[in-house]
C-alpha atoms as a PDB file:
ATOM      1  CA  UNK A   1       0.000   0.000   0.000  1.00  0.00           C
ATOM      2  CA  UNK A   2       2.862   2.350   0.832  1.00  0.00           C
ATOM      3  CA  UNK A   3       4.352   1.938  -2.647  1.00  0.00           C
ATOM      4  CA  UNK A   4       1.043   2.835  -4.273  1.00  0.00           C
ATOM      5  CA  UNK A   5       0.760   5.995  -2.163  1.00  0.00           C
ATOM      6  CA  UNK A   6       4.340   6.876  -3.045  1.00  0.00           C
ATOM      7  CA  UNK A   7       3.691   6.396  -6.762  1.00  0.00           C
ATOM      8  CA  UNK A   8       0.482   8.415  -6.711  1.00  0.00           C
ATOM      9  CA  UNK A   9       2.307  11.168  -4.816  1.00  0.00           C
ATOM     10  CA  UNK A  10       5.071  11.193  -7.458  1.00  0.00           C
ATOM     11  CA  UNK A  11       2.512  11.518 -10.257  1.00  0.00           C
ATOM     12  CA  UNK A  12       0.651  14.317  -8.469  1.00  0.00           C
ATOM     13  CA  UNK A  13       3.908  16.146  -7.721  1.00  0.00           C
ATOM     14  CA  UNK A  14       4.868  15.807 -11.374  1.00  0.00           C
ATOM     15  CA  UNK A  15       1.526  17.225 -12.500  1.00  0.00           C
ATOM     16  CA  UNK A  16       1.880  20.150 -10.077  1.00  0.00           C
ATOM     17  CA  UNK A  17       5.449  20.801 -11.234  1.00  0.00           C
ATOM     18  CA  UNK A  18       4.322  20.670 -14.851  1.00  0.00           C
ATOM     19  CA  UNK A  19       1.566  23.220 -14.204  1.00  0.00           C
ATOM     20  CA  UNK A  20       3.949  25.445 -12.285  1.00  0.00           C
ATOM     21  CA  UNK A  21       6.509  25.312 -15.106  1.00  0.00           C
ATOM     22  CA  UNK A  22       3.824  26.187 -17.668  1.00  0.00           C
ATOM     23  CA  UNK A  23       2.705  29.122 -15.509  1.00  0.00           C
ATOM     24  CA  UNK A  24       6.305  30.353 -15.310  1.00  0.00           C
ATOM     25  CA  UNK A  25       6.667  30.094 -19.084  1.00  0.00           C
ATOM     26  CA  UNK A  26       3.414  31.990 -19.634  1.00  0.00           C
ATOM     27  CA  UNK A  27       4.496  34.708 -17.219  1.00  0.00           C
ATOM     28  CA  UNK A  28       7.816  35.143 -19.038  1.00  0.00           C
ATOM     29  CA  UNK A  29       6.057  35.218 -22.422  1.00  0.00           C
ATOM     30  CA  UNK A  30       3.665  37.880 -21.088  1.00  0.00           C
ATOM     31  CA  UNK A  31       6.626  39.942 -19.909  1.00  0.00           C
ATOM     32  CA  UNK A  32       8.258  39.596 -23.342  1.00  0.00           C
ATOM     33  CA  UNK A  33       5.060  40.798 -25.034  1.00  0.00           C
ATOM     34  CA  UNK A  34       4.746  43.742 -22.640  1.00  0.00           C
ATOM     35  CA  UNK A  35       8.389  44.680 -23.226  1.00  0.00           C
ATOM     36  CA  UNK A  36       7.854  44.521 -26.982  1.00  0.00           C
ATOM     37  CA  UNK A  37       4.952  46.974 -26.668  1.00  0.00           C
ATOM     38  CA  UNK A  38       7.020  49.316 -24.506  1.00  0.00           C
ATOM     39  CA  UNK A  39       9.943  49.048 -26.942  1.00  0.00           C
ATOM     40  CA  UNK A  40       7.736  49.790 -29.937  1.00  0.00           C
ATOM     41  CA  UNK A  41       6.175  52.824 -28.261  1.00  0.00           C
ATOM     42  CA  UNK A  42       9.575  54.124 -27.151  1.00  0.00           C
ATOM     43  CA  UNK A  43      11.045  53.729 -30.629  1.00  0.00           C
ATOM     44  CA  UNK A  44       8.068  55.515 -32.176  1.00  0.00           C
ATOM     45  CA  UNK A  45       8.453  58.345 -29.675  1.00  0.00           C
ATOM     46  CA  UNK A  46      12.207  58.720 -30.201  1.00  0.00           C
ATOM     47  CA  UNK A  47      11.861  58.606 -33.976  1.00  0.00           C
ATOM     48  CA  UNK A  48       9.029  61.129 -34.048  1.00  0.00           C
ATOM     49  CA  UNK A  49      11.025  63.495 -31.813  1.00  0.00           C
ATOM     50  CA  UNK A  50      14.059  63.168 -34.079  1.00  0.00           C
ATOM     51  CA  UNK A  51      11.949  63.713 -37.205  1.00  0.00           C
ATOM     52  CA  UNK A  52      10.459  66.816 -35.605  1.00  0.00           C
ATOM     53  CA  UNK A  53      13.970  68.127 -34.901  1.00  0.00           C
ATOM     54  CA  UNK A  54      15.000  67.456 -38.501  1.00  0.00           C
ATOM     55  CA  UNK A  55      11.859  69.126 -39.758  1.00  0.00           C
ATOM     56  CA  UNK A  56      12.541  72.172 -37.583  1.00  0.00           C
ATOM     57  CA  UNK A  57      16.006  72.512 -39.103  1.00  0.00           C
ATOM     58  CA  UNK A  58      14.615  72.320 -42.640  1.00  0.00           C
ATOM     59  CA  UNK A  59      15.851  68.848 -43.557  1.00  0.00           C
ATOM     60  CA  UNK A  60      13.589  66.670 -45.640  1.00  0.00           C
ATOM     61  CA  UNK A  61      12.836  62.991 -45.220  1.00  0.00           C
ATOM     62  CA  UNK A  62      14.961  62.083 -48.229  1.00  0.00           C
ATOM     63  CA  UNK A  63      18.232  62.909 -46.511  1.00  0.00           C
ATOM     64  CA  UNK A  64      20.591  59.940 -46.336  1.00  0.00           C
ATOM     65  CA  UNK A  65      22.130  61.152 -43.088  1.00  0.00           C
ATOM     66  CA  UNK A  66      18.681  61.447 -41.515  1.00  0.00           C
ATOM     67  CA  UNK A  67      17.932  57.829 -42.360  1.00  0.00           C
ATOM     68  CA  UNK A  68      21.255  56.745 -40.883  1.00  0.00           C
ATOM     69  CA  UNK A  69      20.605  58.702 -37.685  1.00  0.00           C
ATOM     70  CA  UNK A  70      17.087  57.315 -37.379  1.00  0.00           C
ATOM     71  CA  UNK A  71      18.354  53.762 -37.891  1.00  0.00           C
ATOM     72  CA  UNK A  72      21.011  54.279 -35.230  1.00  0.00           C
ATOM     73  CA  UNK A  73      18.410  55.669 -32.827  1.00  0.00           C
ATOM     74  CA  UNK A  74      16.083  52.750 -33.513  1.00  0.00           C
ATOM     75  CA  UNK A  75      18.891  50.253 -32.884  1.00  0.00           C
ATOM     76  CA  UNK A  76      20.093  51.975 -29.713  1.00  0.00           C
ATOM     77  CA  UNK A  77      16.590  52.256 -28.327  1.00  0.00           C
ATOM     78  CA  UNK A  78      15.713  48.629 -28.956  1.00  0.00           C
ATOM     79  CA  UNK A  79      19.029  47.142 -27.771  1.00  0.00           C
ATOM     80  CA  UNK A  80      18.214  46.841 -24.023  1.00  0.00           C
ATOM     81  CA  UNK A  81      14.836  45.293 -24.835  1.00  0.00           C
ATOM     82  CA  UNK A  82      16.375  42.808 -27.251  1.00  0.00           C
ATOM     83  CA  UNK A  83      18.913  41.766 -24.609  1.00  0.00           C
ATOM     84  CA  UNK A  84      16.130  41.332 -22.053  1.00  0.00           C
ATOM     85  CA  UNK A  85      14.163  39.231 -24.556  1.00  0.00           C
ATOM     86  CA  UNK A  86      17.172  36.949 -25.125  1.00  0.00           C
ATOM     87  CA  UNK A  87      17.597  36.516 -21.361  1.00  0.00           C
ATOM     88  CA  UNK A  88      13.902  35.673 -20.993  1.00  0.00           C
ATOM     89  CA  UNK A  89      14.091  33.072 -23.744  1.00  0.00           C
ATOM     90  CA  UNK A  90      17.080  31.501 -21.982  1.00  0.00           C
ATOM     91  CA  UNK A  91      15.004  31.360 -18.777  1.00  0.00           C
ATOM     92  CA  UNK A  92      12.213  29.572 -20.634  1.00  0.00           C
ATOM     93  CA  UNK A  93      14.686  27.003 -21.972  1.00  0.00           C
ATOM     94  CA  UNK A  94      15.945  26.293 -18.434  1.00  0.00           C
ATOM     95  CA  UNK A  95      12.479  25.491 -17.066  1.00  0.00           C
ATOM     96  CA  UNK A  96      12.274  21.709 -17.102  1.00  0.00           C
ATOM     97  CA  UNK A  97      10.226  19.169 -15.235  1.00  0.00           C
ATOM     98  CA  UNK A  98      11.511  15.636 -14.739  1.00  0.00           C
ATOM     99  CA  UNK A  99       8.873  13.022 -15.487  1.00  0.00           C
ATOM    100  CA  UNK A 100       8.792  10.169 -12.978  1.00  0.00           C
ATOM    101  CA  UNK A 101       9.493   6.702 -14.365  1.00  0.00           C
ATOM    102  CA  UNK A 102       7.122   4.494 -12.371  1.00  0.00           C
ATOM    103  CA  UNK A 103       7.926   1.316 -14.285  1.00  0.00           C
ATOM    104  CA  UNK A 104      11.589   1.614 -13.391  1.00  0.00           C
ATOM    105  CA  UNK A 105      10.620   2.254  -9.760  1.00  0.00           C
ATOM    106  CA  UNK A 106       8.326  -0.779  -9.689  1.00  0.00           C
ATOM    107  CA  UNK A 107      10.949  -3.016 -11.266  1.00  0.00           C
ATOM    108  CA  UNK A 108      13.515  -1.967  -8.678  1.00  0.00           C
ATOM    109  CA  UNK A 109      11.008  -2.790  -5.906  1.00  0.00           C
ATOM    110  CA  UNK A 110      10.300  -6.238  -7.414  1.00  0.00           C
ATOM    111  CA  UNK A 111      14.016  -7.058  -7.289  1.00  0.00           C
ATOM    112  CA  UNK A 112      13.962  -6.383  -3.530  1.00  0.00           C
ATOM    113  CA  UNK A 113      11.146  -8.875  -2.877  1.00  0.00           C
ATOM    114  CA  UNK A 114      12.608 -11.983  -1.219  1.00  0.00           C
ATOM    115  CA  UNK A 115      11.775 -15.167  -2.990  1.00  0.00           C
END
């Protein structure tokens, strides 16, 4: 009877661990999505401010240097968010749950039975 309780407990613990791991993954994915929205809004804001400055100085949108500056600003603004996204993806990869092998456990118990 004790072995059965132990096995059922292992299965229930595994199911709880699996649910917990999935919740952690979902939380990280939600954070990634929120960061992407923040990044997009920040980039739009920075680019619109820079375009306004260029417009105030009389430069047009066809200027090659303006495009280079805007690209640099976009890259600089998104860099911290991209690094955070990579770190979050690494966290997701590290979340693992070990599945119990009940057959192996049972076989090892059978070997211990005197007979």
